[in-house]
Amino acid sequence: MDDVGIEYQTVLGCPPVEFVHLAADLGCRAISMKASTGSYNPYNPYGYDDFSFVDDEGARRRMAAALKDRDVSISLAEGFVVLPGRNLTDDLASLDVMRELGATRANVVTLDADLARSFDQFAAFAEAAAGRGMQTTLEFAKSLTLTDLDTAVAAARHVGRDDFRLLIDTMHVVRSGSTAADLAALDASLFGYVQLCDAALEQQNEVYRDDSSDRAVPGEGELPLVEILLALPEWLPLGVEAPMRTRAAQGMSARECAGLAVEGARGVLAEVRAKRANPGQAR
């Protein structure tokens, strides 16, 4: 986990090409991205315009050029959501354009109350992604239908593919009741990606998703980030997902917020590396 990427949610709706430049300017070589703003949008306090790589070939070309020019890659394709009455494989155009832009991994979540159906949807999507040379990750959170680590593990075992793994968001894993010890007890091959942020241990807003869009700089909250990262394989790709709506409302730019998040993440990773180098201090 030497490199820090930046997740799309961190930059609060920033236009894609601008996001690429922002990441590169901060020394980050990876970002997460989605094919379009669509209906499952991040918090967008700056009023940025919607975009669609599926419908706008020009936007797709400009994004591809920016990624190449700035030596930035897409570490995670996001926005793939199981919804009641809708199949994940109905939206393969979005998967195709993200693969065209170089993404080698796609993330899925579910808002369908039918978990059995969701599990089958994950399997169908993972097969479609694999056919495009992409891995799949699965995210869980209290705001989603799949709320906890145990259920996520059950989903991964149901799918039964080496290229279908869990995404660990540090806030979501702690808020769902799991610990670093719970993660360490699992087979390392189950994990595929880490989203790093900090937050209070307890939910702060009435609506959980409001907490999701207002997180703390890594290292400034209450989450046991070092312990969590020590429990996970050190080779996992890592993106900082720390949107800060309070700071945005106070006038801080997306670039300034992202800079704080990346700096904090690098500080946490430095502590993790120091403890890995001296195992006697790792507990």
Protein backbone atom coordinates (compact mmCIF):
# COMPACT_ATOMS: atom_id res chain seq x y z
CA MET A 1 0.00 0.00 0.00
CA ASP A 2 2.77 2.44 -0.89
CA ASP A 3 0.73 4.56 -3.31
CA VAL A 4 -2.28 6.68 -2.45
CA GLY A 5 -5.05 7.02 -5.00
CA ILE A 6 -8.02 9.39 -4.81
CA GLU A 7 -11.62 8.21 -4.93
CA TYR A 8 -14.15 10.14 -6.99
CA GLN A 9 -16.36 10.83 -3.97
CA THR A 10 -13.47 12.70 -2.33
CA VAL A 11 -13.57 15.50 -4.91
CA LEU A 12 -17.32 16.14 -4.54
CA GLY A 13 -18.44 15.93 -8.16
CA CYS A 14 -15.32 17.43 -9.77
CA PRO A 15 -15.37 17.16 -13.61
CA PRO A 16 -13.42 14.06 -14.71
CA VAL A 17 -10.59 15.74 -16.64
CA GLU A 18 -10.11 18.30 -13.88
CA PHE A 19 -10.03 15.42 -11.42
CA VAL A 20 -7.21 13.74 -13.35
CA HIS A 21 -5.13 16.91 -13.23
CA LEU A 22 -5.89 17.39 -9.54
CA ALA A 23 -4.75 13.85 -8.75
CA ALA A 24 -1.55 14.19 -10.76
CA ASP A 25 -0.75 17.55 -9.17
CA LEU A 26 -0.99 15.88 -5.76
CA GLY A 27 1.38 13.12 -6.85
CA CYS A 28 -1.36 10.48 -7.07
CA ARG A 29 -1.26 8.04 -9.96
CA ALA A 30 -4.66 6.39 -9.53
CA ILE A 31 -8.27 7.48 -9.20
CA SER A 32 -11.65 5.84 -8.98
CA MET A 33 -14.20 6.95 -11.56
CA LYS A 34 -17.69 6.24 -12.82
CA ALA A 35 -19.09 6.16 -16.33
CA SER A 36 -21.60 8.94 -15.71
CA THR A 37 -23.09 10.97 -12.90
CA GLY A 38 -26.38 9.11 -13.41
CA SER A 39 -28.94 8.90 -10.63
CA TYR A 40 -26.59 7.65 -7.90
CA ASN A 41 -24.66 10.89 -7.51
CA PRO A 42 -22.07 11.99 -4.99
CA TYR A 43 -22.67 15.13 -2.98
CA ASN A 44 -21.98 18.04 -5.36
CA PRO A 45 -21.76 21.32 -3.39
CA TYR A 46 -19.95 23.18 -6.17
CA GLY A 47 -22.69 22.65 -8.75
CA TYR A 48 -20.51 20.87 -11.29
CA ASP A 49 -22.20 19.78 -14.52
CA ASP A 50 -23.26 16.19 -15.10
CA PHE A 51 -21.22 14.06 -17.50
CA SER A 52 -21.52 10.76 -19.34
CA PHE A 53 -18.71 8.84 -21.00
CA VAL A 54 -21.34 6.52 -22.46
CA ASP A 55 -23.29 9.21 -24.30
CA ASP A 56 -20.49 11.72 -24.99
CA GLU A 57 -17.66 10.35 -27.11
CA GLY A 58 -15.83 13.67 -26.90
CA ALA A 59 -15.82 13.52 -23.10
CA ARG A 60 -14.45 10.00 -23.34
CA ARG A 61 -11.65 11.08 -25.70
CA ARG A 62 -10.71 14.03 -23.49
CA MET A 63 -10.61 11.79 -20.43
CA ALA A 64 -8.43 9.20 -22.16
CA ALA A 65 -6.03 11.93 -23.28
CA ALA A 66 -5.80 13.42 -19.78
CA LEU A 67 -5.13 10.03 -18.20
CA LYS A 68 -2.34 9.37 -20.69
CA ASP A 69 -0.83 12.84 -20.50
CA ARG A 70 -0.72 12.90 -16.71
CA ASP A 71 0.19 9.21 -16.22
CA VAL A 72 -2.90 8.53 -14.10
CA SER A 73 -4.88 5.28 -14.19
CA ILE A 74 -8.38 4.34 -13.10
CA SER A 75 -7.96 1.92 -10.20
CA LEU A 76 -11.68 1.36 -9.67
CA ALA A 77 -14.77 1.77 -11.83
CA GLU A 78 -17.73 2.72 -9.64
CA GLY A 79 -21.48 3.23 -10.00
CA PHE A 80 -22.63 -0.38 -10.50
CA VAL A 81 -25.66 -0.82 -8.25
CA VAL A 82 -28.11 -3.71 -7.91
CA LEU A 83 -31.61 -2.21 -7.82
CA PRO A 84 -34.99 -3.97 -7.55
CA GLY A 85 -36.15 -5.09 -10.98
CA ARG A 86 -32.89 -4.12 -12.67
CA ASN A 87 -30.03 -6.39 -13.65
CA LEU A 88 -26.44 -5.28 -13.26
CA THR A 89 -25.72 -6.73 -16.68
CA ASP A 90 -28.28 -4.35 -18.23
CA ASP A 91 -25.63 -1.61 -18.02
CA LEU A 92 -22.69 -3.24 -19.77
CA ALA A 93 -22.15 -0.10 -21.86
CA SER A 94 -20.87 1.61 -18.72
CA LEU A 95 -18.56 -1.31 -18.01
CA ASP A 96 -17.31 -1.19 -21.59
CA VAL A 97 -16.42 2.51 -21.51
CA MET A 98 -14.64 2.15 -18.18
CA ARG A 99 -12.60 -0.71 -19.60
CA GLU A 100 -11.85 1.45 -22.65
CA LEU A 101 -10.52 4.10 -20.27
CA GLY A 102 -8.19 1.55 -18.72
CA ALA A 103 -10.04 0.45 -15.58
CA THR A 104 -9.16 -3.10 -14.60
CA ARG A 105 -11.49 -3.34 -11.58
CA ALA A 106 -15.19 -2.56 -11.05
CA ASN A 107 -17.04 -2.14 -7.77
CA VAL A 108 -20.58 -3.36 -7.05
CA VAL A 109 -23.06 -2.55 -4.29
CA THR A 110 -26.70 -3.44 -3.72
CA LEU A 111 -29.82 -1.51 -2.79
CA ASP A 112 -32.08 -4.48 -3.47
CA ALA A 113 -33.70 -5.94 -0.36
CA ASP A 114 -33.54 -9.41 -1.93
CA LEU A 115 -30.07 -10.55 -0.90
CA ALA A 116 -30.31 -13.88 -2.72
CA ARG A 117 -31.05 -12.03 -5.95
CA SER A 118 -28.21 -9.62 -5.20
CA PHE A 119 -25.77 -12.49 -4.76
CA ASP A 120 -26.77 -13.88 -8.16
CA GLN A 121 -26.45 -10.44 -9.70
CA PHE A 122 -22.92 -10.14 -8.32
CA ALA A 123 -22.03 -13.46 -9.93
CA ALA A 124 -23.45 -12.46 -13.32
CA PHE A 125 -21.64 -9.13 -13.22
CA ALA A 126 -18.33 -10.71 -12.17
CA GLU A 127 -18.55 -13.04 -15.15
CA ALA A 128 -19.23 -10.13 -17.49
CA ALA A 129 -16.35 -8.14 -15.99
CA ALA A 130 -13.97 -11.09 -16.27
CA GLY A 131 -14.86 -11.38 -19.94
CA ARG A 132 -13.50 -7.84 -20.30
CA GLY A 133 -10.34 -8.57 -18.36
CA MET A 134 -11.60 -6.86 -15.20
CA GLN A 135 -11.79 -7.89 -11.57
CA THR A 136 -14.82 -7.12 -9.39
CA THR A 137 -14.97 -5.82 -5.83
CA LEU A 138 -17.95 -5.78 -3.48
CA GLU A 139 -18.59 -2.97 -1.01
CA PHE A 140 -20.73 -3.12 2.12
CA ALA A 141 -22.05 -0.32 4.34
CA LYS A 142 -24.86 0.41 6.75
CA SER A 143 -26.50 2.57 4.07
CA LEU A 144 -26.67 -0.38 1.67
CA THR A 145 -28.65 -3.61 1.70
CA LEU A 146 -25.47 -5.57 2.28
CA THR A 147 -24.53 -4.05 5.61
CA ASP A 148 -21.71 -6.04 7.19
CA LEU A 149 -18.52 -8.01 6.73
CA ASP A 150 -20.03 -11.45 7.39
CA THR A 151 -22.68 -11.01 4.70
CA ALA A 152 -20.08 -9.68 2.28
CA VAL A 153 -17.94 -12.77 2.89
CA ALA A 154 -21.01 -14.95 2.27
CA ALA A 155 -21.56 -13.14 -1.03
CA ALA A 156 -17.94 -13.67 -2.08
CA ARG A 157 -18.20 -17.37 -1.28
CA HIS A 158 -21.47 -17.59 -3.21
CA VAL A 159 -19.84 -16.04 -6.28
CA GLY A 160 -16.81 -18.29 -5.81
CA ARG A 161 -14.38 -16.53 -8.12
CA ASP A 162 -10.77 -15.53 -7.48
CA ASP A 163 -11.45 -12.25 -9.30
CA PHE A 164 -14.38 -11.30 -7.02
CA ARG A 165 -13.13 -9.76 -3.79
CA LEU A 166 -14.14 -7.43 -0.99
CA LEU A 167 -13.64 -3.69 -0.91
CA ILE A 168 -12.90 -2.47 2.60
CA ASP A 169 -13.98 1.09 3.38
CA THR A 170 -12.48 1.91 6.77
CA MET A 171 -15.50 3.88 8.00
CA HIS A 172 -18.01 1.31 6.83
CA VAL A 173 -16.17 -1.66 8.30
CA VAL A 174 -15.93 -0.06 11.76
CA ARG A 175 -19.47 1.34 11.72
CA SER A 176 -20.81 -2.10 10.77
CA GLY A 177 -19.32 -3.54 13.94
CA SER A 178 -16.21 -5.30 12.61
CA THR A 179 -12.69 -4.96 13.96
CA ALA A 180 -9.15 -5.27 12.68
CA ALA A 181 -9.04 -8.71 14.31
CA ASP A 182 -12.07 -9.77 12.28
CA LEU A 183 -10.28 -8.75 9.09
CA ALA A 184 -7.04 -10.46 10.10
CA ALA A 185 -8.93 -13.71 10.69
CA LEU A 186 -10.03 -13.91 7.06
CA ASP A 187 -8.12 -15.35 4.12
CA ALA A 188 -6.10 -12.52 2.57
CA SER A 189 -7.29 -13.57 -0.90
CA LEU A 190 -10.79 -12.31 -0.03
CA PHE A 191 -9.64 -8.67 -0.13
CA GLY A 192 -9.28 -6.63 -3.28
CA TYR A 193 -9.22 -2.92 -2.45
CA VAL A 194 -9.13 -0.41 0.41
CA GLN A 195 -10.89 2.95 0.69
CA LEU A 196 -9.22 4.95 3.45
CA CYS A 197 -10.94 7.64 5.46
CA ASP A 198 -11.42 8.69 9.05
CA ALA A 199 -14.52 9.55 11.04
CA ALA A 200 -16.09 9.42 14.47
CA LEU A 201 -16.77 5.93 15.77
CA GLU A 202 -20.49 6.63 16.05
CA GLN A 203 -22.82 7.94 13.36
CA GLN A 204 -23.08 11.74 13.56
CA ASN A 205 -26.06 12.48 11.29
CA GLU A 206 -29.59 11.14 11.27
CA VAL A 207 -29.03 9.82 7.73
CA TYR A 208 -25.98 7.60 7.32
CA ARG A 209 -25.26 8.83 3.80
CA ASP A 210 -24.75 12.33 5.23
CA ASP A 211 -21.88 10.89 7.25
CA SER A 212 -20.55 9.24 4.09
CA SER A 213 -20.18 12.64 2.41
CA ASP A 214 -18.63 14.36 5.44
CA ARG A 215 -15.63 12.42 6.66
CA ALA A 216 -12.44 13.35 8.45
CA VAL A 217 -8.90 13.64 7.18
CA PRO A 218 -7.20 10.26 7.71
CA GLY A 219 -5.46 10.37 11.07
CA GLU A 220 -7.70 13.10 12.51
CA GLY A 221 -10.74 10.99 13.43
CA GLU A 222 -11.41 8.11 15.79
CA LEU A 223 -11.07 5.08 13.51
CA PRO A 224 -8.23 2.59 14.21
CA LEU A 225 -6.77 3.08 10.74
CA VAL A 226 -3.29 1.74 11.45
CA GLU A 227 -4.66 -1.43 13.03
CA ILE A 228 -7.04 -1.99 10.11
CA LEU A 229 -4.32 -1.56 7.50
CA LEU A 230 -1.96 -3.83 9.41
CA ALA A 231 -4.67 -6.50 9.33
CA LEU A 232 -4.96 -6.31 5.55
CA PRO A 233 -2.52 -7.43 2.85
CA GLU A 234 0.00 -4.66 2.21
CA TRP A 235 -0.24 -5.15 -1.58
CA LEU A 236 -3.85 -3.96 -1.78
CA PRO A 237 -4.52 -0.89 -3.92
CA LEU A 238 -5.66 2.01 -1.76
CA GLY A 239 -7.70 5.10 -2.53
CA VAL A 240 -8.50 7.87 -0.06
CA GLU A 241 -12.26 8.40 0.13
CA ALA A 242 -12.70 11.43 2.36
CA PRO A 243 -15.34 13.85 1.09
CA MET A 244 -15.65 16.81 3.44
CA ARG A 245 -18.98 18.58 2.97
CA THR A 246 -18.53 20.72 6.09
CA ARG A 247 -15.25 22.12 4.80
CA ALA A 248 -16.79 22.61 1.35
CA ALA A 249 -19.66 24.56 2.91
CA GLN A 250 -17.08 26.74 4.65
CA GLY A 251 -15.55 27.65 1.28
CA MET A 252 -12.74 25.14 0.92
CA SER A 253 -12.22 23.98 -2.66
CA ALA A 254 -12.32 20.36 -3.81
CA ARG A 255 -8.60 20.60 -4.52
CA GLU A 256 -7.83 21.82 -1.00
CA CYS A 257 -9.99 19.10 0.56
CA ALA A 258 -8.34 16.42 -1.56
CA GLY A 259 -4.90 17.75 -0.63
CA LEU A 260 -5.67 17.42 3.06
CA ALA A 261 -7.03 13.90 2.54
CA VAL A 262 -3.98 12.73 0.59
CA GLU A 263 -1.55 14.26 3.07
CA GLY A 264 -3.37 12.58 5.94
CA ALA A 265 -3.43 9.23 4.15
CA ARG A 266 0.30 9.40 3.51
CA GLY A 267 0.87 10.07 7.18
CA VAL A 268 -1.18 7.03 8.16
CA LEU A 269 0.66 4.85 5.64
CA ALA A 270 4.01 6.06 6.96
CA GLU A 271 2.98 4.89 10.42
CA VAL A 272 1.85 1.54 9.01
CA ARG A 273 5.16 1.05 7.21
CA ALA A 274 7.08 1.91 10.38
CA LYS A 275 5.13 -0.66 12.38
CA ARG A 276 5.56 -3.31 9.69
CA ALA A 277 9.29 -2.66 9.81
CA ASN A 278 9.26 -3.09 13.60
CA PRO A 279 6.69 -5.82 14.37
CA GLY A 280 7.33 -5.48 18.08
CA GLN A 281 5.49 -2.16 17.99
CA ALA A 282 2.66 -3.36 15.75
CA ARG A 283 0.36 -4.35 18.58
